[in-house]
Amino acid sequence: MNSLKPEDTAVYYCAEPQRPYYTPIVVED
């Protein structure tokens, strides 16, 4: 993360989907 802004303030989480070979972009997946 470069050029950080105050609005970047948050808890950051990494996550993995249930299915392999799949790269979703929505939290529900």
PDB file of all heavy atoms in Angstrom:
ATOM      1  N   MET A   1       0.847  -1.182   0.000  1.00  0.00           N
ATOM      2  CA  MET A   1       0.000   0.000   0.000  1.00  0.00           C
ATOM      3  C   MET A   1       0.883   1.233   0.000  1.00  0.00           C
ATOM      4  O   MET A   1       1.650   1.454   0.934  1.00  0.00           O
ATOM      5  CB  MET A   1      -0.922  -0.003   1.217  1.00  0.00           C
ATOM      6  CG  MET A   1      -1.766  -1.269   1.343  1.00  0.00           C
ATOM      7  SD  MET A   1      -2.931  -1.201   2.723  1.00  0.00           S
ATOM      8  CE  MET A   1      -1.778  -1.143   4.100  1.00  0.00           C
ATOM      9  N   ASN A   2       0.762   2.022  -1.036  1.00  0.00           N
ATOM     10  CA  ASN A   2       1.534   3.249  -1.188  1.00  0.00           C
ATOM     11  C   ASN A   2       0.600   4.447  -1.238  1.00  0.00           C
ATOM     12  O   ASN A   2      -0.593   4.319  -1.485  1.00  0.00           O
ATOM     13  CB  ASN A   2       2.384   3.201  -2.453  1.00  0.00           C
ATOM     14  CG  ASN A   2       3.358   2.062  -2.467  1.00  0.00           C
ATOM     15  OD1 ASN A   2       4.060   1.816  -1.478  1.00  0.00           O
ATOM     16  ND2 ASN A   2       3.435   1.349  -3.584  1.00  0.00           N
ATOM     17  N   SER A   3       1.162   5.620  -1.029  1.00  0.00           N
ATOM     18  CA  SER A   3       0.400   6.872  -1.071  1.00  0.00           C
ATOM     19  C   SER A   3      -0.863   6.775  -0.226  1.00  0.00           C
ATOM     20  O   SER A   3      -1.961   7.129  -0.663  1.00  0.00           O
ATOM     21  CB  SER A   3       0.053   7.225  -2.519  1.00  0.00           C
ATOM     22  OG  SER A   3       1.220   7.372  -3.302  1.00  0.00           O
ATOM     23  N   LEU A   4      -0.709   6.307   0.980  1.00  0.00           N
ATOM     24  CA  LEU A   4      -1.859   6.062   1.841  1.00  0.00           C
ATOM     25  C   LEU A   4      -2.575   7.352   2.206  1.00  0.00           C
ATOM     26  O   LEU A   4      -1.950   8.401   2.381  1.00  0.00           O
ATOM     27  CB  LEU A   4      -1.423   5.323   3.094  1.00  0.00           C
ATOM     28  CG  LEU A   4      -1.156   3.832   2.882  1.00  0.00           C
ATOM     29  CD1 LEU A   4      -0.334   3.266   4.033  1.00  0.00           C
ATOM     30  CD2 LEU A   4      -2.473   3.074   2.744  1.00  0.00           C
ATOM     31  N   LYS A   5      -3.886   7.236   2.326  1.00  0.00           N
ATOM     32  CA  LYS A   5      -4.761   8.349   2.649  1.00  0.00           C
ATOM     33  C   LYS A   5      -5.507   8.050   3.940  1.00  0.00           C
ATOM     34  O   LYS A   5      -5.708   6.885   4.284  1.00  0.00           O
ATOM     35  CB  LYS A   5      -5.770   8.579   1.519  1.00  0.00           C
ATOM     36  CG  LYS A   5      -5.161   8.791   0.152  1.00  0.00           C
ATOM     37  CD  LYS A   5      -6.238   8.862  -0.915  1.00  0.00           C
ATOM     38  CE  LYS A   5      -5.649   9.052  -2.293  1.00  0.00           C
ATOM     39  NZ  LYS A   5      -6.702   9.105  -3.337  1.00  0.00           N
ATOM     40  N   PRO A   6      -5.963   9.072   4.654  1.00  0.00           N
ATOM     41  CA  PRO A   6      -6.743   8.817   5.868  1.00  0.00           C
ATOM     42  C   PRO A   6      -7.949   7.924   5.628  1.00  0.00           C
ATOM     43  O   PRO A   6      -8.311   7.143   6.517  1.00  0.00           O
ATOM     44  CB  PRO A   6      -7.154  10.218   6.315  1.00  0.00           C
ATOM     45  CG  PRO A   6      -6.055  11.093   5.818  1.00  0.00           C
ATOM     46  CD  PRO A   6      -5.659  10.504   4.492  1.00  0.00           C
ATOM     47  N   GLU A   7      -8.569   8.012   4.475  1.00  0.00           N
ATOM     48  CA  GLU A   7      -9.723   7.182   4.185  1.00  0.00           C
ATOM     49  C   GLU A   7      -9.377   5.709   3.993  1.00  0.00           C
ATOM     50  O   GLU A   7     -10.273   4.871   3.873  1.00  0.00           O
ATOM     51  CB  GLU A   7     -10.488   7.698   2.959  1.00  0.00           C
ATOM     52  CG  GLU A   7      -9.616   7.950   1.746  1.00  0.00           C
ATOM     53  CD  GLU A   7      -9.204   9.405   1.610  1.00  0.00           C
ATOM     54  OE1 GLU A   7      -8.815  10.020   2.619  1.00  0.00           O
ATOM     55  OE2 GLU A   7      -9.278   9.932   0.478  1.00  0.00           O
ATOM     56  N   ASP A   8      -8.095   5.376   3.958  1.00  0.00           N
ATOM     57  CA  ASP A   8      -7.677   3.982   3.936  1.00  0.00           C
ATOM     58  C   ASP A   8      -7.690   3.347   5.320  1.00  0.00           C
ATOM     59  O   ASP A   8      -7.476   2.139   5.446  1.00  0.00           O
ATOM     60  CB  ASP A   8      -6.270   3.850   3.346  1.00  0.00           C
ATOM     61  CG  ASP A   8      -6.198   4.251   1.883  1.00  0.00           C
ATOM     62  OD1 ASP A   8      -7.110   3.892   1.114  1.00  0.00           O
ATOM     63  OD2 ASP A   8      -5.213   4.922   1.511  1.00  0.00           O
ATOM     64  N   THR A   9      -7.915   4.133   6.343  1.00  0.00           N
ATOM     65  CA  THR A   9      -7.932   3.629   7.708  1.00  0.00           C
ATOM     66  C   THR A   9      -9.039   2.596   7.876  1.00  0.00           C
ATOM     67  O   THR A   9     -10.209   2.870   7.606  1.00  0.00           O
ATOM     68  CB  THR A   9      -8.121   4.773   8.703  1.00  0.00           C
ATOM     69  OG1 THR A   9      -6.997   5.652   8.631  1.00  0.00           O
ATOM     70  CG2 THR A   9      -8.256   4.243  10.126  1.00  0.00           C
ATOM     71  N   ALA A  10      -8.670   1.405   8.325  1.00  0.00           N
ATOM     72  CA  ALA A  10      -9.622   0.309   8.481  1.00  0.00           C
ATOM     73  C   ALA A  10      -8.886  -0.900   9.032  1.00  0.00           C
ATOM     74  O   ALA A  10      -7.652  -0.919   9.102  1.00  0.00           O
ATOM     75  CB  ALA A  10     -10.278  -0.043   7.144  1.00  0.00           C
ATOM     76  N   VAL A  11      -9.658  -1.906   9.394  1.00  0.00           N
ATOM     77  CA  VAL A  11      -9.094  -3.226   9.637  1.00  0.00           C
ATOM     78  C   VAL A  11      -9.053  -3.948   8.303  1.00  0.00           C
ATOM     79  O   VAL A  11     -10.060  -4.021   7.596  1.00  0.00           O
ATOM     80  CB  VAL A  11      -9.917  -4.022  10.659  1.00  0.00           C
ATOM     81  CG1 VAL A  11      -9.349  -5.429  10.822  1.00  0.00           C
ATOM     82  CG2 VAL A  11      -9.930  -3.298  12.000  1.00  0.00           C
ATOM     83  N   TYR A  12      -7.902  -4.484   7.966  1.00  0.00           N
ATOM     84  CA  TYR A  12      -7.720  -5.171   6.695  1.00  0.00           C
ATOM     85  C   TYR A  12      -7.713  -6.677   6.914  1.00  0.00           C
ATOM     86  O   TYR A  12      -7.023  -7.184   7.805  1.00  0.00           O
ATOM     87  CB  TYR A  12      -6.417  -4.733   6.033  1.00  0.00           C
ATOM     88  CG  TYR A  12      -6.521  -3.384   5.374  1.00  0.00           C
ATOM     89  CD1 TYR A  12      -6.635  -2.225   6.147  1.00  0.00           C
ATOM     90  CD2 TYR A  12      -6.532  -3.253   3.986  1.00  0.00           C
ATOM     91  CE1 TYR A  12      -6.761  -0.984   5.555  1.00  0.00           C
ATOM     92  CE2 TYR A  12      -6.647  -2.012   3.389  1.00  0.00           C
ATOM     93  CZ  TYR A  12      -6.763  -0.885   4.171  1.00  0.00           C
ATOM     94  OH  TYR A  12      -6.888   0.353   3.580  1.00  0.00           O
ATOM     95  N   TYR A  13      -8.477  -7.375   6.089  1.00  0.00           N
ATOM     96  CA  TYR A  13      -8.636  -8.814   6.194  1.00  0.00           C
ATOM     97  C   TYR A  13      -8.200  -9.492   4.900  1.00  0.00           C
ATOM     98  O   TYR A  13      -8.524  -9.006   3.815  1.00  0.00           O
ATOM     99  CB  TYR A  13     -10.099  -9.200   6.431  1.00  0.00           C
ATOM    100  CG  TYR A  13     -10.720  -8.619   7.674  1.00  0.00           C
ATOM    101  CD1 TYR A  13     -11.328  -7.373   7.659  1.00  0.00           C
ATOM    102  CD2 TYR A  13     -10.715  -9.343   8.868  1.00  0.00           C
ATOM    103  CE1 TYR A  13     -11.913  -6.849   8.796  1.00  0.00           C
ATOM    104  CE2 TYR A  13     -11.300  -8.827  10.007  1.00  0.00           C
ATOM    105  CZ  TYR A  13     -11.898  -7.582   9.974  1.00  0.00           C
ATOM    106  OH  TYR A  13     -12.477  -7.071  11.108  1.00  0.00           O
ATOM    107  N   CYS A  14      -7.521 -10.609   5.018  1.00  0.00           N
ATOM    108  CA  CYS A  14      -7.349 -11.465   3.857  1.00  0.00           C
ATOM    109  C   CYS A  14      -8.401 -12.552   3.897  1.00  0.00           C
ATOM    110  O   CYS A  14      -8.919 -12.906   4.959  1.00  0.00           O
ATOM    111  CB  CYS A  14      -5.938 -12.053   3.771  1.00  0.00           C
ATOM    112  SG  CYS A  14      -5.476 -13.182   5.094  1.00  0.00           S
ATOM    113  N   ALA A  15      -8.727 -13.085   2.734  1.00  0.00           N
ATOM    114  CA  ALA A  15      -9.819 -14.039   2.642  1.00  0.00           C
ATOM    115  C   ALA A  15      -9.600 -14.985   1.468  1.00  0.00           C
ATOM    116  O   ALA A  15      -8.900 -14.655   0.509  1.00  0.00           O
ATOM    117  CB  ALA A  15     -11.159 -13.314   2.482  1.00  0.00           C
ATOM    118  N   GLU A  16     -10.230 -16.150   1.567  1.00  0.00           N
ATOM    119  CA  GLU A  16     -10.150 -17.169   0.529  1.00  0.00           C
ATOM    120  C   GLU A  16     -11.545 -17.688   0.237  1.00  0.00           C
ATOM    121  O   GLU A  16     -12.317 -17.940   1.160  1.00  0.00           O
ATOM    122  CB  GLU A  16      -9.244 -18.312   0.989  1.00  0.00           C
ATOM    123  CG  GLU A  16      -8.985 -19.361  -0.069  1.00  0.00           C
ATOM    124  CD  GLU A  16      -8.013 -20.421   0.417  1.00  0.00           C
ATOM    125  OE1 GLU A  16      -6.806 -20.150   0.457  1.00  0.00           O
ATOM    126  OE2 GLU A  16      -8.486 -21.523   0.771  1.00  0.00           O
ATOM    127  N   PRO A  17     -11.908 -17.879  -1.032  1.00  0.00           N
ATOM    128  CA  PRO A  17     -13.222 -18.427  -1.363  1.00  0.00           C
ATOM    129  C   PRO A  17     -13.284 -19.920  -1.123  1.00  0.00           C
ATOM    130  O   PRO A  17     -12.256 -20.588  -0.964  1.00  0.00           O
ATOM    131  CB  PRO A  17     -13.374 -18.101  -2.851  1.00  0.00           C
ATOM    132  CG  PRO A  17     -11.964 -18.080  -3.359  1.00  0.00           C
ATOM    133  CD  PRO A  17     -11.137 -17.517  -2.237  1.00  0.00           C
ATOM    134  N   GLN A  18     -14.481 -20.456  -1.130  1.00  0.00           N
ATOM    135  CA  GLN A  18     -14.667 -21.877  -0.897  1.00  0.00           C
ATOM    136  C   GLN A  18     -14.157 -22.715  -2.062  1.00  0.00           C
ATOM    137  O   GLN A  18     -13.587 -23.789  -1.855  1.00  0.00           O
ATOM    138  CB  GLN A  18     -16.147 -22.178  -0.639  1.00  0.00           C
ATOM    139  CG  GLN A  18     -16.456 -23.645  -0.378  1.00  0.00           C
ATOM    140  CD  GLN A  18     -15.834 -24.134   0.906  1.00  0.00           C
ATOM    141  OE1 GLN A  18     -15.838 -23.438   1.917  1.00  0.00           O
ATOM    142  NE2 GLN A  18     -15.284 -25.343   0.867  1.00  0.00           N
ATOM    143  N   ARG A  19     -14.380 -22.256  -3.271  1.00  0.00           N
ATOM    144  CA  ARG A  19     -14.057 -23.039  -4.453  1.00  0.00           C
ATOM    145  C   ARG A  19     -12.665 -22.723  -4.972  1.00  0.00           C
ATOM    146  O   ARG A  19     -12.247 -21.560  -4.987  1.00  0.00           O
ATOM    147  CB  ARG A  19     -15.088 -22.795  -5.556  1.00  0.00           C
ATOM    148  CG  ARG A  19     -16.514 -23.172  -5.169  1.00  0.00           C
ATOM    149  CD  ARG A  19     -17.434 -23.124  -6.374  1.00  0.00           C
ATOM    150  NE  ARG A  19     -17.535 -21.789  -6.950  1.00  0.00           N
ATOM    151  CZ  ARG A  19     -18.337 -20.836  -6.500  1.00  0.00           C
ATOM    152  NH1 ARG A  19     -19.109 -21.059  -5.452  1.00  0.00           N
ATOM    153  NH2 ARG A  19     -18.370 -19.662  -7.102  1.00  0.00           N
ATOM    154  N   PRO A  20     -11.941 -23.727  -5.430  1.00  0.00           N
ATOM    155  CA  PRO A  20     -10.636 -23.491  -6.039  1.00  0.00           C
ATOM    156  C   PRO A  20     -10.770 -22.903  -7.432  1.00  0.00           C
ATOM    157  O   PRO A  20     -11.841 -22.949  -8.052  1.00  0.00           O
ATOM    158  CB  PRO A  20     -10.015 -24.891  -6.075  1.00  0.00           C
ATOM    159  CG  PRO A  20     -11.193 -25.809  -6.202  1.00  0.00           C
ATOM    160  CD  PRO A  20     -12.292 -25.167  -5.397  1.00  0.00           C
ATOM    161  N   TYR A  21      -9.693 -22.352  -7.925  1.00  0.00           N
ATOM    162  CA  TYR A  21      -9.621 -21.791  -9.273  1.00  0.00           C
ATOM    163  C   TYR A  21     -10.745 -20.782  -9.508  1.00  0.00           C
ATOM    164  O   TYR A  21     -11.440 -20.808 -10.531  1.00  0.00           O
ATOM    165  CB  TYR A  21      -9.643 -22.906 -10.324  1.00  0.00           C
ATOM    166  CG  TYR A  21      -8.603 -23.957 -10.064  1.00  0.00           C
ATOM    167  CD1 TYR A  21      -8.955 -25.238  -9.654  1.00  0.00           C
ATOM    168  CD2 TYR A  21      -7.249 -23.654 -10.204  1.00  0.00           C
ATOM    169  CE1 TYR A  21      -7.984 -26.191  -9.389  1.00  0.00           C
ATOM    170  CE2 TYR A  21      -6.277 -24.605  -9.941  1.00  0.00           C
ATOM    171  CZ  TYR A  21      -6.655 -25.872  -9.535  1.00  0.00           C
ATOM    172  OH  TYR A  21      -5.687 -26.815  -9.280  1.00  0.00           O
ATOM    173  N   TYR A  22     -10.888 -19.892  -8.565  1.00  0.00           N
ATOM    174  CA  TYR A  22     -11.974 -18.920  -8.561  1.00  0.00           C
ATOM    175  C   TYR A  22     -11.495 -17.675  -7.842  1.00  0.00           C
ATOM    176  O   TYR A  22     -10.953 -17.760  -6.737  1.00  0.00           O
ATOM    177  CB  TYR A  22     -13.188 -19.535  -7.867  1.00  0.00           C
ATOM    178  CG  TYR A  22     -14.400 -18.658  -7.751  1.00  0.00           C
ATOM    179  CD1 TYR A  22     -14.950 -18.033  -8.862  1.00  0.00           C
ATOM    180  CD2 TYR A  22     -15.018 -18.485  -6.519  1.00  0.00           C
ATOM    181  CE1 TYR A  22     -16.082 -17.246  -8.749  1.00  0.00           C
ATOM    182  CE2 TYR A  22     -16.153 -17.703  -6.394  1.00  0.00           C
ATOM    183  CZ  TYR A  22     -16.682 -17.088  -7.515  1.00  0.00           C
ATOM    184  OH  TYR A  22     -17.805 -16.312  -7.399  1.00  0.00           O
ATOM    185  N   THR A  23     -11.709 -16.529  -8.455  1.00  0.00           N
ATOM    186  CA  THR A  23     -11.222 -15.271  -7.890  1.00  0.00           C
ATOM    187  C   THR A  23     -12.339 -14.240  -7.877  1.00  0.00           C
ATOM    188  O   THR A  23     -12.393 -13.351  -8.728  1.00  0.00           O
ATOM    189  CB  THR A  23     -10.017 -14.741  -8.688  1.00  0.00           C
ATOM    190  OG1 THR A  23      -9.090 -15.790  -8.939  1.00  0.00           O
ATOM    191  CG2 THR A  23      -9.328 -13.629  -7.909  1.00  0.00           C
ATOM    192  N   PRO A  24     -13.244 -14.338  -6.917  1.00  0.00           N
ATOM    193  CA  PRO A  24     -14.332 -13.362  -6.833  1.00  0.00           C
ATOM    194  C   PRO A  24     -13.871 -12.036  -6.258  1.00  0.00           C
ATOM    195  O   PRO A  24     -12.776 -11.928  -5.678  1.00  0.00           O
ATOM    196  CB  PRO A  24     -15.330 -14.049  -5.896  1.00  0.00           C
ATOM    197  CG  PRO A  24     -14.461 -14.893  -5.011  1.00  0.00           C
ATOM    198  CD  PRO A  24     -13.334 -15.366  -5.893  1.00  0.00           C
ATOM    199  N   ILE A  25     -14.728 -11.032  -6.400  1.00  0.00           N
ATOM    200  CA  ILE A  25     -14.428  -9.710  -5.865  1.00  0.00           C
ATOM    201  C   ILE A  25     -15.502  -9.205  -4.920  1.00  0.00           C
ATOM    202  O   ILE A  25     -15.440  -8.061  -4.471  1.00  0.00           O
ATOM    203  CB  ILE A  25     -14.204  -8.680  -6.993  1.00  0.00           C
ATOM    204  CG1 ILE A  25     -15.462  -8.520  -7.855  1.00  0.00           C
ATOM    205  CG2 ILE A  25     -13.014  -9.092  -7.860  1.00  0.00           C
ATOM    206  CD1 ILE A  25     -15.370  -7.382  -8.850  1.00  0.00           C
ATOM    207  N   VAL A  26     -16.483 -10.033  -4.594  1.00  0.00           N
ATOM    208  CA  VAL A  26     -17.537  -9.651  -3.666  1.00  0.00           C
ATOM    209  C   VAL A  26     -17.355 -10.398  -2.364  1.00  0.00           C
ATOM    210  O   VAL A  26     -16.969 -11.568  -2.337  1.00  0.00           O
ATOM    211  CB  VAL A  26     -18.940  -9.901  -4.256  1.00  0.00           C
ATOM    212  CG1 VAL A  26     -19.159  -9.017  -5.470  1.00  0.00           C
ATOM    213  CG2 VAL A  26     -19.123 -11.361  -4.632  1.00  0.00           C
ATOM    214  N   VAL A  27     -17.663  -9.747  -1.273  1.00  0.00           N
ATOM    215  CA  VAL A  27     -17.418 -10.305   0.046  1.00  0.00           C
ATOM    216  C   VAL A  27     -18.190 -11.596   0.276  1.00  0.00           C
ATOM    217  O   VAL A  27     -17.703 -12.503   0.961  1.00  0.00           O
ATOM    218  CB  VAL A  27     -17.729  -9.257   1.134  1.00  0.00           C
ATOM    219  CG1 VAL A  27     -19.213  -8.901   1.148  1.00  0.00           C
ATOM    220  CG2 VAL A  27     -17.268  -9.740   2.497  1.00  0.00           C
ATOM    221  N   GLU A  28     -19.380 -11.697  -0.306  1.00  0.00           N
ATOM    222  CA  GLU A  28     -20.233 -12.861  -0.073  1.00  0.00           C
ATOM    223  C   GLU A  28     -19.642 -14.154  -0.620  1.00  0.00           C
ATOM    224  O   GLU A  28     -20.051 -15.241  -0.200  1.00  0.00           O
ATOM    225  CB  GLU A  28     -21.617 -12.635  -0.681  1.00  0.00           C
ATOM    226  CG  GLU A  28     -22.446 -11.566   0.020  1.00  0.00           C
ATOM    227  CD  GLU A  28     -22.092 -10.157  -0.419  1.00  0.00           C
ATOM    228  OE1 GLU A  28     -21.270  -9.999  -1.347  1.00  0.00           O
ATOM    229  OE2 GLU A  28     -22.642  -9.209   0.175  1.00  0.00           O
ATOM    230  N   ASP A  29     -18.720 -14.068  -1.551  1.00  0.00           N
ATOM    231  CA  ASP A  29     -18.140 -15.256  -2.163  1.00  0.00           C
ATOM    232  C   ASP A  29     -16.898 -15.762  -1.441  1.00  0.00           C
ATOM    233  O   ASP A  29     -16.314 -16.765  -1.859  1.00  0.00           O
ATOM    234  CB  ASP A  29     -17.809 -14.987  -3.627  1.00  0.00           C
ATOM    235  CG  ASP A  29     -19.056 -14.871  -4.493  1.00  0.00           C
ATOM    236  OD1 ASP A  29     -20.125 -15.362  -4.072  1.00  0.00           O
ATOM    237  OD2 ASP A  29     -18.962 -14.300  -5.592  1.00  0.00           O
TER     238      ASP A  29
END
